[in-house]
N, C-alpha and C. Protein backbone atom coordinates (compact mmCIF):
# COMPACT_ATOMS: atom_id res chain seq x y z
N MET A 1 93.55 136.86 89.86
CA MET A 1 92.96 135.81 88.78
C MET A 1 91.54 135.12 89.59
N THR A 2 90.65 135.62 88.10
CA THR A 2 88.84 135.27 88.02
C THR A 2 88.76 134.17 88.43
N ARG A 3 88.07 133.43 89.34
CA ARG A 3 87.36 132.13 89.40
C ARG A 3 85.81 131.76 89.13
N PRO A 4 85.94 130.66 88.86
CA PRO A 4 84.31 130.42 88.28
C PRO A 4 83.54 131.25 89.92
N ALA A 5 82.63 131.33 89.46
CA ALA A 5 81.07 131.14 90.39
C ALA A 5 80.53 130.08 91.07
N PRO A 6 80.86 129.70 92.44
CA PRO A 6 79.94 128.21 93.17
C PRO A 6 78.47 127.99 92.45
N ALA A 7 78.40 128.61 92.34
CA ALA A 7 76.88 127.99 91.29
C ALA A 7 77.71 127.69 90.57
N LEU A 8 78.16 128.71 89.27
CA LEU A 8 78.62 127.32 88.23
C LEU A 8 79.54 126.89 88.24
N VAL A 9 80.44 126.55 89.00
CA VAL A 9 81.24 125.25 89.72
C VAL A 9 79.94 124.21 89.76
N LEU A 10 79.09 123.91 90.56
CA LEU A 10 78.17 122.94 90.37
C LEU A 10 77.74 122.78 89.55
N VAL A 11 77.25 123.58 89.19
CA VAL A 11 76.11 123.55 87.39
C VAL A 11 76.98 122.67 86.37
N LEU A 12 78.71 122.84 86.17
CA LEU A 12 79.67 122.04 85.48
C LEU A 12 79.47 120.47 85.97
N VAL A 13 80.31 120.73 86.87
CA VAL A 13 80.29 119.24 87.98
C VAL A 13 79.18 118.39 87.56
N ALA A 14 78.03 118.97 88.06
CA ALA A 14 76.40 118.27 87.40
C ALA A 14 76.69 117.66 86.23
N ALA A 15 76.69 118.44 85.05
CA ALA A 15 76.79 118.48 84.50
C ALA A 15 77.90 117.01 83.42
N ALA A 16 78.86 117.49 83.97
CA ALA A 16 79.49 116.66 84.12
C ALA A 16 79.50 115.32 84.25
N MET A 17 79.12 115.00 85.71
CA MET A 17 78.54 114.07 85.52
C MET A 17 77.08 113.05 84.87
N LEU A 18 76.40 114.18 84.22
CA LEU A 18 75.38 113.43 83.50
C LEU A 18 75.76 113.29 81.73
N ALA A 19 76.80 114.05 81.35
CA ALA A 19 77.19 113.89 80.45
C ALA A 19 77.10 113.52 79.35
N PRO A 20 77.90 111.79 80.17
CA PRO A 20 77.40 110.13 79.30
C PRO A 20 75.45 109.60 78.77
N VAL A 21 75.15 110.53 78.85
CA VAL A 21 73.55 110.01 79.04
C VAL A 21 72.65 111.38 78.52
N ALA A 22 73.16 112.09 78.81
CA ALA A 22 72.32 113.50 78.67
C ALA A 22 72.49 113.83 77.67
N ARG A 23 71.59 114.61 76.89
CA ARG A 23 71.27 115.63 75.13
C ARG A 23 72.40 116.81 75.55
N ALA A 24 72.46 116.83 74.44
CA ALA A 24 72.89 118.20 74.21
C ALA A 24 72.14 119.28 74.62
N ASP A 25 73.26 120.17 75.33
CA ASP A 25 72.63 122.12 76.32
C ASP A 25 73.44 123.11 75.13
N TYR A 26 72.95 123.45 75.87
CA TYR A 26 73.71 125.29 75.61
C TYR A 26 74.75 125.83 76.58
N ALA A 27 75.67 126.31 75.74
CA ALA A 27 76.64 127.38 76.96
C ALA A 27 76.62 128.65 76.92
N VAL A 28 76.27 129.43 77.44
CA VAL A 28 75.66 130.63 77.53
C VAL A 28 76.91 131.77 77.57
N LEU A 29 77.15 132.46 76.95
CA LEU A 29 78.73 132.84 76.55
C LEU A 29 78.77 134.79 77.49
N ARG A 30 79.59 134.94 77.97
CA ARG A 30 79.45 136.56 78.73
C ARG A 30 79.36 137.38 77.48
N SER A 31 79.42 137.10 76.18
CA SER A 31 78.86 137.62 75.19
C SER A 31 77.89 137.06 73.97
N GLY A 32 77.57 136.88 74.98
CA GLY A 32 75.85 136.86 74.34
C GLY A 32 75.52 135.74 73.70
N ALA A 33 77.14 135.00 73.23
CA ALA A 33 76.68 133.57 72.31
C ALA A 33 76.14 132.89 72.55
N ARG A 34 75.65 131.87 72.49
CA ARG A 34 75.57 130.72 73.13
C ARG A 34 75.77 129.16 72.19
N LEU A 35 76.26 128.33 72.39
CA LEU A 35 77.62 127.28 71.84
C LEU A 35 76.68 125.89 72.34
N HIS A 36 75.96 125.33 71.41
CA HIS A 36 75.26 123.63 71.34
C HIS A 36 76.80 122.95 71.69
N VAL A 37 76.49 121.80 72.96
CA VAL A 37 77.82 121.23 73.02
C VAL A 37 77.30 120.12 73.74
N THR A 38 77.76 119.35 73.69
CA THR A 38 78.04 118.17 73.82
C THR A 38 78.98 117.38 75.14
N GLY A 39 79.69 118.21 75.75
CA GLY A 39 80.49 117.49 76.89
C GLY A 39 80.61 118.52 77.99
N TYR A 40 81.20 119.02 78.96
CA TYR A 40 81.90 120.16 79.58
C TYR A 40 83.33 119.43 80.33
N GLU A 41 84.42 120.24 80.78
CA GLU A 41 85.35 119.38 81.27
C GLU A 41 85.66 121.25 82.06
N LEU A 42 86.09 121.28 83.48
CA LEU A 42 85.97 122.11 83.90
C LEU A 42 87.79 122.38 84.61
N SER A 43 88.69 122.91 84.24
CA SER A 43 90.21 122.45 84.86
C SER A 43 90.36 124.11 85.76
N GLY A 44 90.73 124.44 86.80
CA GLY A 44 91.11 125.45 86.99
C GLY A 44 89.93 126.54 86.61
N ASP A 45 90.86 127.72 85.92
CA ASP A 45 90.15 128.82 85.64
C ASP A 45 89.49 129.24 84.36
N ARG A 46 89.65 127.35 83.75
CA ARG A 46 89.65 127.04 82.12
C ARG A 46 88.14 126.03 82.42
N VAL A 47 87.47 126.39 80.65
CA VAL A 47 86.35 125.22 80.28
C VAL A 47 86.33 124.55 78.92
N ARG A 48 86.55 123.70 79.05
CA ARG A 48 86.55 122.89 77.47
C ARG A 48 85.65 122.01 77.25
N LEU A 49 84.51 122.58 76.16
CA LEU A 49 83.65 122.70 76.14
C LEU A 49 83.62 121.57 74.51
N ALA A 50 82.69 120.34 74.42
CA ALA A 50 82.83 120.02 73.93
C ALA A 50 81.72 120.01 72.67
N VAL A 51 81.80 120.65 71.67
CA VAL A 51 81.57 120.83 70.38
C VAL A 51 81.27 120.16 69.04
N THR A 52 80.13 120.33 68.10
CA THR A 52 80.28 119.15 66.98
C THR A 52 81.58 119.49 66.19
N GLY A 53 82.09 118.41 66.12
CA GLY A 53 83.82 118.25 65.35
C GLY A 53 85.33 118.55 66.60
N GLY A 54 84.75 118.90 67.38
CA GLY A 54 86.08 119.16 68.19
C GLY A 54 85.24 119.78 69.66
N THR A 55 86.40 120.74 70.08
CA THR A 55 86.75 121.18 71.96
C THR A 55 86.82 122.13 71.36
N VAL A 56 86.41 123.44 72.55
CA VAL A 56 86.40 124.57 72.89
C VAL A 56 86.87 124.98 73.99
N GLU A 57 88.21 125.58 74.40
CA GLU A 57 88.56 126.26 75.43
C GLU A 57 88.18 127.62 75.33
N ILE A 58 87.71 127.64 76.38
CA ILE A 58 87.88 129.37 76.97
C ILE A 58 87.76 129.83 78.85
N ALA A 59 87.94 130.69 79.06
CA ALA A 59 87.72 131.19 80.61
C ALA A 59 86.14 130.77 80.99
N ALA A 60 86.51 130.11 82.44
CA ALA A 60 85.50 129.83 83.31
C ALA A 60 84.95 130.87 83.09
N SER A 61 85.35 132.52 83.75
CA SER A 61 84.89 133.83 83.79
C SER A 61 83.85 134.12 82.40
N GLU A 62 84.25 133.63 81.11
CA GLU A 62 83.42 133.80 80.41
C GLU A 62 82.01 133.54 80.36
N LEU A 63 82.12 131.84 80.96
CA LEU A 63 80.51 131.30 81.19
C LEU A 63 79.55 131.00 81.85
N ILE A 64 78.51 132.03 81.27
CA ILE A 64 77.71 132.29 82.17
C ILE A 64 76.95 131.74 83.47
N ASP A 65 76.28 130.11 81.98
CA ASP A 65 75.81 129.10 82.37
C ASP A 65 75.41 128.66 81.48
N VAL A 66 74.90 126.78 82.15
CA VAL A 66 74.73 126.49 80.58
C VAL A 66 73.29 126.05 81.13
N GLU A 67 72.09 126.14 79.96
CA GLU A 67 71.24 125.72 79.69
C GLU A 67 70.50 124.39 78.82
N PRO A 68 69.69 123.80 79.07
CA PRO A 68 69.31 122.44 78.62
C PRO A 68 68.75 122.55 77.58
N GLU A 69 68.70 122.18 76.52
CA GLU A 69 67.95 122.03 75.49
C GLU A 69 66.82 121.20 75.30
N ASP A 70 65.54 122.18 74.73
CA ASP A 70 64.04 121.81 75.28
C ASP A 70 63.86 121.16 74.08
N GLN A 71 63.26 119.96 74.31
CA GLN A 71 62.99 118.52 73.33
C GLN A 71 61.72 117.90 73.98
N PHE A 72 61.15 117.90 72.77
CA PHE A 72 59.45 117.24 73.38
C PHE A 72 59.31 115.76 72.71
N PRO A 73 58.92 115.04 73.22
CA PRO A 73 58.78 113.35 72.55
C PRO A 73 57.44 113.54 71.99
N ALA A 74 57.29 112.50 71.48
CA ALA A 74 55.67 112.54 70.74
C ALA A 74 54.50 112.86 71.63
N PRO A 75 54.09 112.94 71.29
CA PRO A 75 53.01 112.89 72.45
C PRO A 75 52.02 111.65 71.92
N PRO A 76 51.10 110.99 72.67
CA PRO A 76 50.76 109.71 72.65
C PRO A 76 50.10 108.98 71.51
N PRO A 77 50.40 108.04 70.91
CA PRO A 77 49.89 108.23 69.43
C PRO A 77 48.31 107.91 69.25
N VAL A 78 47.24 108.83 70.29
CA VAL A 78 46.04 108.62 69.58
C VAL A 78 45.49 108.92 68.15
N ASN A 79 46.39 109.46 67.34
CA ASN A 79 46.16 109.71 66.46
C ASN A 79 47.87 109.30 65.63
N ALA A 80 48.39 109.37 64.91
CA ALA A 80 49.52 108.84 64.19
C ALA A 80 49.83 109.68 63.70
N ASP A 81 49.14 110.79 62.35
CA ASP A 81 49.47 112.27 61.97
C ASP A 81 48.84 113.41 62.60
N PHE A 82 50.01 114.05 63.46
CA PHE A 82 49.50 115.03 63.84
C PHE A 82 49.06 116.28 63.43
N GLY A 83 49.43 116.37 62.18
CA GLY A 83 49.43 117.45 62.02
C GLY A 83 48.59 116.96 60.42
N VAL A 84 47.48 116.06 60.73
CA VAL A 84 45.75 115.81 60.57
C VAL A 84 45.52 116.32 61.44
N ARG A 85 45.48 116.14 62.74
CA ARG A 85 44.80 115.72 63.89
C ARG A 85 44.70 117.37 64.15
N TYR A 86 45.31 118.35 63.98
CA TYR A 86 45.21 119.32 64.23
C TYR A 86 44.51 120.09 63.05
N ALA A 87 44.68 119.54 61.54
CA ALA A 87 44.72 120.37 60.41
C ALA A 87 43.41 121.38 60.00
N ASN A 88 42.15 120.92 60.93
CA ASN A 88 41.09 121.53 60.97
C ASN A 88 41.44 123.13 61.35
N LEU A 89 42.12 123.37 63.35
CA LEU A 89 41.82 123.58 63.65
C LEU A 89 43.16 124.95 63.06
N ILE A 90 44.35 124.38 62.28
CA ILE A 90 45.31 125.00 61.74
C ILE A 90 44.70 126.09 59.95
N ARG A 91 44.00 125.45 59.67
CA ARG A 91 43.33 125.94 58.41
C ARG A 91 42.41 127.04 58.90
N ALA A 92 41.92 126.96 60.02
CA ALA A 92 40.56 128.03 60.02
C ALA A 92 41.56 128.71 60.59
N SER A 93 42.29 128.82 61.33
CA SER A 93 43.28 129.99 61.85
C SER A 93 44.02 131.20 60.94
N ALA A 94 44.51 130.11 59.64
CA ALA A 94 45.56 130.50 58.94
C ALA A 94 44.27 131.16 57.52
N GLN A 95 43.25 131.18 57.86
CA GLN A 95 42.39 132.24 56.67
C GLN A 95 41.61 132.56 57.53
N LYS A 96 41.84 132.58 58.64
CA LYS A 96 41.08 133.93 59.55
C LYS A 96 42.72 135.09 59.70
N HIS A 97 43.20 134.37 59.61
CA HIS A 97 44.65 135.62 59.77
C HIS A 97 45.57 136.38 58.76
N GLY A 98 45.24 135.55 57.53
CA GLY A 98 46.12 135.19 55.72
C GLY A 98 47.01 134.93 56.68
N VAL A 99 47.59 134.09 57.06
CA VAL A 99 48.92 133.10 57.78
C VAL A 99 48.57 131.67 56.94
N ASP A 100 50.28 131.46 56.02
CA ASP A 100 50.20 130.05 55.72
C ASP A 100 49.78 129.28 56.34
N GLU A 101 48.83 128.52 56.65
CA GLU A 101 48.88 127.15 57.13
C GLU A 101 50.03 126.46 57.06
N LYS A 102 51.10 125.75 56.15
CA LYS A 102 51.99 125.15 56.67
C LYS A 102 53.33 125.65 57.47
N LEU A 103 53.18 127.03 57.64
CA LEU A 103 53.76 127.79 57.95
C LEU A 103 53.69 127.99 59.75
N ILE A 104 51.50 127.72 59.73
CA ILE A 104 51.71 127.38 61.54
C ILE A 104 51.84 125.94 61.49
N ALA A 105 51.81 125.03 60.88
CA ALA A 105 52.27 123.87 61.54
C ALA A 105 53.59 123.49 61.40
N GLY A 106 54.29 124.64 60.46
CA GLY A 106 55.62 123.57 60.50
C GLY A 106 56.55 124.66 62.57
N VAL A 107 56.09 125.65 62.52
CA VAL A 107 56.42 126.25 63.74
C VAL A 107 55.21 125.48 65.11
N ILE A 108 54.66 124.68 65.04
CA ILE A 108 53.97 123.90 65.87
C ILE A 108 54.49 122.64 66.05
N GLY A 109 54.87 122.35 64.65
CA GLY A 109 55.94 120.96 64.84
C GLY A 109 57.66 121.24 65.67
N ALA A 110 58.00 122.65 65.38
CA ALA A 110 59.18 122.95 65.82
C ALA A 110 59.05 122.57 67.59
N GLU A 111 58.15 123.57 68.34
CA GLU A 111 58.07 124.34 69.44
C GLU A 111 56.96 123.00 70.18
N SER A 112 56.55 122.39 70.08
CA SER A 112 55.99 121.53 70.77
C SER A 112 56.50 120.14 69.75
N ASN A 113 56.55 119.80 69.00
CA ASN A 113 56.27 118.55 68.29
C ASN A 113 54.74 118.37 68.55
N PHE A 114 53.78 118.71 68.57
CA PHE A 114 52.57 118.48 68.13
C PHE A 114 52.35 118.26 69.30
N ASP A 115 52.70 117.89 70.74
CA ASP A 115 52.14 118.06 72.00
C ASP A 115 51.50 119.18 72.80
N PRO A 116 50.53 119.06 73.09
CA PRO A 116 49.39 120.19 73.29
C PRO A 116 49.14 120.52 74.87
N LYS A 117 50.17 119.88 75.41
CA LYS A 117 50.47 120.06 76.72
C LYS A 117 51.88 120.15 77.19
N ALA A 118 52.97 120.44 76.31
CA ALA A 118 53.69 120.54 76.05
C ALA A 118 54.57 121.73 77.17
N VAL A 119 55.22 121.96 78.32
CA VAL A 119 56.04 122.78 78.70
C VAL A 119 57.64 122.88 78.64
N SER A 120 58.19 123.82 78.41
CA SER A 120 59.23 124.35 78.34
C SER A 120 60.20 124.81 79.14
N ARG A 121 61.39 124.50 79.63
CA ARG A 121 61.77 125.58 80.86
C ARG A 121 61.88 126.97 80.95
N LYS A 122 61.48 127.18 79.43
CA LYS A 122 60.98 128.64 80.17
C LYS A 122 59.62 129.13 80.29
N ARG A 123 58.91 128.04 80.41
CA ARG A 123 57.62 128.39 80.42
C ARG A 123 56.99 129.17 79.44
N ALA A 124 56.66 128.71 78.02
CA ALA A 124 56.41 128.26 77.37
C ALA A 124 55.87 127.31 77.02
N LEU A 125 54.12 128.15 76.66
CA LEU A 125 53.07 126.55 76.76
C LEU A 125 52.58 126.19 75.77
N GLY A 126 52.22 125.03 75.61
CA GLY A 126 51.76 124.47 74.68
C GLY A 126 52.29 124.37 73.21
N LEU A 127 50.99 123.85 72.48
CA LEU A 127 51.12 123.06 71.09
C LEU A 127 52.36 124.42 70.33
N MET A 128 51.85 126.48 70.62
CA MET A 128 52.85 127.14 69.67
C MET A 128 53.69 127.31 70.78
N GLN A 129 54.11 126.90 72.15
CA GLN A 129 54.56 127.30 72.94
C GLN A 129 54.50 128.89 73.50
N LEU A 130 53.60 129.22 73.82
CA LEU A 130 52.98 130.83 73.97
C LEU A 130 54.20 130.99 75.57
N LEU A 131 54.94 132.31 75.44
CA LEU A 131 54.58 132.46 76.36
C LEU A 131 53.58 133.19 78.06
N PRO A 132 53.52 133.08 79.16
CA PRO A 132 52.39 133.34 79.58
C PRO A 132 51.96 134.31 79.31
N GLU A 133 53.02 136.03 79.19
CA GLU A 133 52.43 137.47 79.54
C GLU A 133 52.17 137.51 77.10
N THR A 134 52.60 136.33 76.39
CA THR A 134 51.44 136.13 75.18
C THR A 134 50.12 136.02 74.89
N ALA A 135 49.98 134.62 76.14
CA ALA A 135 48.69 134.11 75.89
C ALA A 135 47.63 135.04 76.46
N ALA A 136 48.59 136.03 77.49
CA ALA A 136 47.45 136.94 78.08
C ALA A 136 47.51 137.93 77.18
N ARG A 137 48.58 138.54 76.53
CA ARG A 137 47.97 139.48 75.22
C ARG A 137 47.20 139.18 74.86
N TYR A 138 46.98 138.06 74.25
CA TYR A 138 45.46 137.41 73.10
C TYR A 138 44.61 136.94 73.82
N ALA A 139 44.71 136.59 75.02
CA ALA A 139 43.12 136.48 75.99
C ALA A 139 42.63 135.42 76.00
N VAL A 140 43.44 134.38 75.52
CA VAL A 140 43.86 133.48 76.27
C VAL A 140 43.54 132.56 77.08
N ALA A 141 42.46 132.15 77.15
CA ALA A 141 41.76 131.64 79.00
C ALA A 141 42.64 130.13 79.08
N ASN A 142 42.51 128.92 78.65
CA ASN A 142 43.17 128.06 78.25
C ASN A 142 44.18 127.76 77.32
N VAL A 143 45.62 127.15 78.00
CA VAL A 143 46.28 127.56 76.73
C VAL A 143 46.30 126.93 76.56
N PHE A 144 46.53 125.66 76.97
CA PHE A 144 46.45 124.05 76.92
C PHE A 144 45.11 123.67 75.72
N GLU A 145 45.16 124.50 75.74
CA GLU A 145 43.47 124.25 74.72
C GLU A 145 43.51 124.14 73.44
N PRO A 146 43.57 123.56 72.25
CA PRO A 146 44.49 123.30 71.63
C PRO A 146 44.03 124.64 70.28
N ALA A 147 42.56 124.94 70.42
CA ALA A 147 41.98 126.01 69.46
C ALA A 147 42.41 127.41 69.61
N GLN A 148 42.75 127.08 71.33
CA GLN A 148 42.93 128.99 71.79
C GLN A 148 44.49 129.09 71.47
N ASN A 149 45.29 127.89 71.72
CA ASN A 149 46.46 128.25 71.39
C ASN A 149 47.19 128.50 69.98
N ILE A 150 46.75 127.69 69.16
CA ILE A 150 46.76 128.13 67.55
C ILE A 150 46.54 128.64 67.38
N GLU A 151 45.16 129.55 67.87
CA GLU A 151 44.73 130.82 67.08
C GLU A 151 45.39 132.16 67.72
N ALA A 152 46.39 131.79 69.12
CA ALA A 152 46.76 132.81 70.04
C ALA A 152 48.01 132.94 68.56
N GLY A 153 48.64 132.03 68.83
CA GLY A 153 49.95 131.77 67.85
C GLY A 153 49.77 132.54 66.37
N THR A 154 48.89 131.99 65.85
CA THR A 154 48.66 132.45 64.72
C THR A 154 48.80 134.11 64.01
N ARG A 155 47.79 134.29 65.69
CA ARG A 155 48.15 136.07 65.39
C ARG A 155 49.23 136.51 66.17
N TYR A 156 50.20 135.99 66.96
CA TYR A 156 51.58 136.17 67.27
C TYR A 156 53.03 136.29 66.05
N LEU A 157 52.58 135.36 64.89
CA LEU A 157 52.44 134.89 63.57
C LEU A 157 52.23 136.25 62.55
N LYS A 158 51.06 136.60 62.62
CA LYS A 158 51.19 137.54 61.98
C LYS A 158 51.45 138.97 61.79
N ASP A 159 51.52 139.37 63.47
CA ASP A 159 52.11 140.35 64.15
C ASP A 159 53.41 141.09 63.92
N LEU A 160 53.86 139.29 64.33
CA LEU A 160 55.51 139.49 64.07
C LEU A 160 56.08 139.59 62.32
N LEU A 161 54.97 139.32 61.43
CA LEU A 161 55.21 139.09 60.16
C LEU A 161 55.57 140.11 59.72
N ALA A 162 54.26 141.44 60.29
CA ALA A 162 53.76 142.67 60.36
C ALA A 162 55.10 143.77 61.11
N ARG A 163 55.77 142.77 61.79
CA ARG A 163 56.11 144.23 63.00
C ARG A 163 58.06 144.27 61.24
N TYR A 164 57.93 142.84 60.68
CA TYR A 164 59.47 142.45 59.84
C TYR A 164 59.15 142.90 58.77
N LYS A 165 57.60 143.61 57.86
CA LYS A 165 57.14 143.88 56.70
C LYS A 165 57.83 142.17 56.17
N GLY A 166 57.28 141.26 56.28
CA GLY A 166 57.16 139.97 55.75
C GLY A 166 58.12 139.53 55.69
N ASN A 167 59.14 139.92 56.39
CA ASN A 167 60.50 138.89 56.39
C ASN A 167 60.42 137.87 57.26
N LEU A 168 60.44 136.57 56.60
CA LEU A 168 59.73 135.24 57.34
C LEU A 168 60.96 135.43 58.39
N THR A 169 62.24 135.19 58.14
CA THR A 169 63.00 134.71 58.58
C THR A 169 63.45 135.32 60.22
N LEU A 170 62.91 137.17 59.85
CA LEU A 170 62.69 138.22 61.20
C LEU A 170 61.88 137.28 61.92
N ALA A 171 61.06 136.64 61.16
CA ALA A 171 59.97 136.54 62.01
C ALA A 171 60.42 135.70 62.66
N LEU A 172 60.66 134.76 62.33
CA LEU A 172 60.37 133.08 62.98
C LEU A 172 61.90 133.32 64.24
N ALA A 173 62.56 133.80 63.61
CA ALA A 173 64.12 134.26 64.74
C ALA A 173 63.65 135.28 66.05
N ALA A 174 62.22 136.04 65.72
CA ALA A 174 61.53 136.93 66.64
C ALA A 174 60.53 136.08 67.16
N TYR A 175 59.95 134.86 66.73
CA TYR A 175 59.14 133.51 67.09
C TYR A 175 60.20 133.20 68.61
N ASN A 176 61.44 132.43 68.01
CA ASN A 176 62.16 131.56 68.65
C ASN A 176 62.83 132.50 70.13
N ALA A 177 63.27 133.47 69.48
CA ALA A 177 64.22 133.99 70.29
C ALA A 177 63.72 135.06 71.34
N GLY A 178 62.79 136.07 71.16
CA GLY A 178 61.59 137.22 70.92
C GLY A 178 62.55 138.10 70.35
N PRO A 179 61.35 139.23 69.98
CA PRO A 179 62.02 140.17 68.99
C PRO A 179 62.92 141.14 69.52
N GLU A 180 62.32 141.44 71.08
CA GLU A 180 63.56 142.46 71.53
C GLU A 180 65.18 142.22 71.01
N THR A 181 65.56 140.57 71.09
CA THR A 181 66.19 140.21 70.64
C THR A 181 66.53 140.57 69.39
N VAL A 182 65.71 139.91 68.62
CA VAL A 182 66.15 140.45 67.13
C VAL A 182 66.76 142.00 66.76
N ASP A 183 66.07 142.75 67.50
CA ASP A 183 65.87 144.48 67.48
C ASP A 183 67.40 144.69 67.54
N ARG A 184 67.93 144.06 69.21
CA ARG A 184 69.23 144.36 69.77
C ARG A 184 69.99 143.75 68.96
N TYR A 185 69.94 142.81 68.19
CA TYR A 185 71.30 142.09 67.07
C TYR A 185 71.02 142.49 65.69
N GLY A 186 69.94 143.32 65.96
CA GLY A 186 69.30 144.28 64.41
C GLY A 186 69.63 143.34 62.97
N GLY A 187 69.21 142.12 63.51
CA GLY A 187 68.99 141.10 62.29
C GLY A 187 68.92 139.82 63.08
N VAL A 188 68.79 138.58 62.71
CA VAL A 188 69.16 137.04 63.05
C VAL A 188 69.84 137.00 64.18
N PRO A 189 70.01 136.37 66.07
CA PRO A 189 70.34 136.74 66.50
C PRO A 189 71.66 135.33 66.17
N PRO A 190 72.96 135.04 66.82
CA PRO A 190 73.51 134.15 65.91
C PRO A 190 73.43 133.02 67.45
N PHE A 191 72.42 132.50 67.63
CA PHE A 191 72.48 131.55 68.27
C PHE A 191 71.98 130.21 67.51
N PRO A 192 72.95 129.41 67.90
CA PRO A 192 72.65 128.15 67.28
C PRO A 192 70.43 127.07 67.54
N GLU A 193 70.38 127.71 68.26
CA GLU A 193 69.18 127.21 68.65
C GLU A 193 68.53 127.81 67.43
N THR A 194 68.51 129.22 67.25
CA THR A 194 67.41 130.17 66.80
C THR A 194 68.29 129.54 64.72
N LEU A 195 69.23 129.45 64.23
CA LEU A 195 69.20 129.62 62.69
C LEU A 195 69.01 128.08 62.74
N ASN A 196 68.99 127.24 63.83
CA ASN A 196 68.82 125.38 63.69
C ASN A 196 67.12 125.66 62.86
N TYR A 197 66.39 126.63 64.11
CA TYR A 197 65.28 126.64 64.33
C TYR A 197 65.01 127.13 62.66
N ILE A 198 65.10 127.92 62.19
CA ILE A 198 65.08 128.52 61.18
C ILE A 198 65.07 127.83 60.05
N ARG A 199 65.80 127.28 59.95
CA ARG A 199 66.63 126.66 58.99
C ARG A 199 65.86 125.58 58.54
N ASN A 200 65.21 124.73 60.05
CA ASN A 200 64.35 123.24 59.58
C ASN A 200 63.07 124.10 59.27
N ILE A 201 62.60 125.18 59.13
CA ILE A 201 60.24 125.41 59.54
C ILE A 201 61.19 125.88 57.63
N THR A 202 61.96 126.60 57.29
CA THR A 202 62.32 127.60 55.72
C THR A 202 62.11 125.89 54.95
N ALA A 203 63.34 124.92 55.61
CA ALA A 203 63.22 123.88 54.66
C ALA A 203 62.12 123.10 54.54
N LYS A 204 61.51 122.74 54.99
CA LYS A 204 60.03 122.59 55.67
C LYS A 204 59.43 122.78 54.17
N LEU A 205 59.05 124.36 54.55
CA LEU A 205 58.33 124.71 53.59
C LEU A 205 58.75 124.76 52.32
N ALA A 206 59.76 124.63 52.03
CA ALA A 206 60.14 124.82 50.98
C ALA A 206 59.85 123.45 50.66
N GLN A 207 60.34 122.06 50.84
CA GLN A 207 60.00 121.27 50.54
C GLN A 207 58.55 120.76 50.35
N ASN A 208 57.50 121.48 50.50
CA ASN A 208 56.60 121.37 50.64
C ASN A 208 55.89 122.11 50.04
N ALA A 209 56.53 123.54 49.34
CA ALA A 209 56.45 124.22 47.93
C ALA A 209 57.14 123.38 46.85
N ASN A 210 58.19 122.28 46.81
CA ASN A 210 58.29 122.09 45.41
C ASN A 210 57.65 120.57 45.48
N ASN A 211 56.44 119.83 46.67
CA ASN A 211 56.00 118.70 46.17
C ASN A 211 54.12 119.33 46.43
N SER A 212 54.11 120.51 45.89
CA SER A 212 52.97 121.01 45.65
C SER A 212 52.24 120.94 44.61
N PRO A 213 51.07 120.05 43.92
CA PRO A 213 50.26 119.85 43.22
C PRO A 213 51.08 120.73 41.73
N THR A 214 50.94 122.10 41.83
CA THR A 214 51.07 123.06 40.60
C THR A 214 52.24 122.76 40.19
N LYS A 215 53.38 122.92 41.35
CA LYS A 215 54.96 122.72 41.01
C LYS A 215 55.10 121.47 40.22
N SER A 216 54.30 119.96 40.83
CA SER A 216 55.04 118.49 40.15
C SER A 216 53.72 118.94 38.76
N MET A 217 52.81 119.58 38.62
CA MET A 217 51.96 119.98 37.09
C MET A 217 52.79 120.45 35.90
N ALA A 218 54.12 121.90 36.72
CA ALA A 218 54.54 122.43 36.04
C ALA A 218 56.22 121.74 35.30
N ARG A 219 56.45 120.45 36.05
CA ARG A 219 57.40 119.61 36.24
C ARG A 219 57.26 118.97 35.24
N ASN A 220 55.83 118.28 34.62
CA ASN A 220 55.04 117.17 34.24
C ASN A 220 55.11 118.18 32.86
N ALA A 221 55.00 119.78 32.65
CA ALA A 221 54.67 119.93 31.26
C ALA A 221 55.80 120.39 30.50
N ASP A 222 56.76 120.39 31.86
CA ASP A 222 58.53 120.42 31.00
C ASP A 222 58.64 119.20 30.49
């Protein structure tokens, strides 16, 4: 009978102790799937995971890790509208690289909630959550400086859109989960985090498009 690794048992015990006050986390399975979970219970060689709508029970040997979900609080209220605060920097990078400025703003909102000092558990940094290797690739001297971070993040978005021939869904999936993961799965990986990430950004883009002056004038003309 396979027993869960001691380190994993400690993770599950600690998670169970924190469950009443902890935010939702991700259970990483041996199959590569990641489940959004709100609670855990270890019983012998089985693990019961609390998910939206019920529970899922799996063998403890199938659970590799439990990862906390990255959530960034709103930055200090120096300016109530952070989209406006960084609008000039976003617009400059958008025009320079031919990337939709609303897409850039959507990625910043999803990645860091417009917090220029955000640091994730995966070491992603700043407004557009650049990994150190990505920042180095685009010659970023100060990853926490908004102009440099937005410039590099926009270039990365542009390169991903080119890599996937303008397919926005795949480019966003690659920005969130990494292009290697997208290529390995042959498309969008089945991670709830990535699926929600794509859904949230594209929904906001669609909403902005519907609320644009051109759309409004077309509706009024009808």
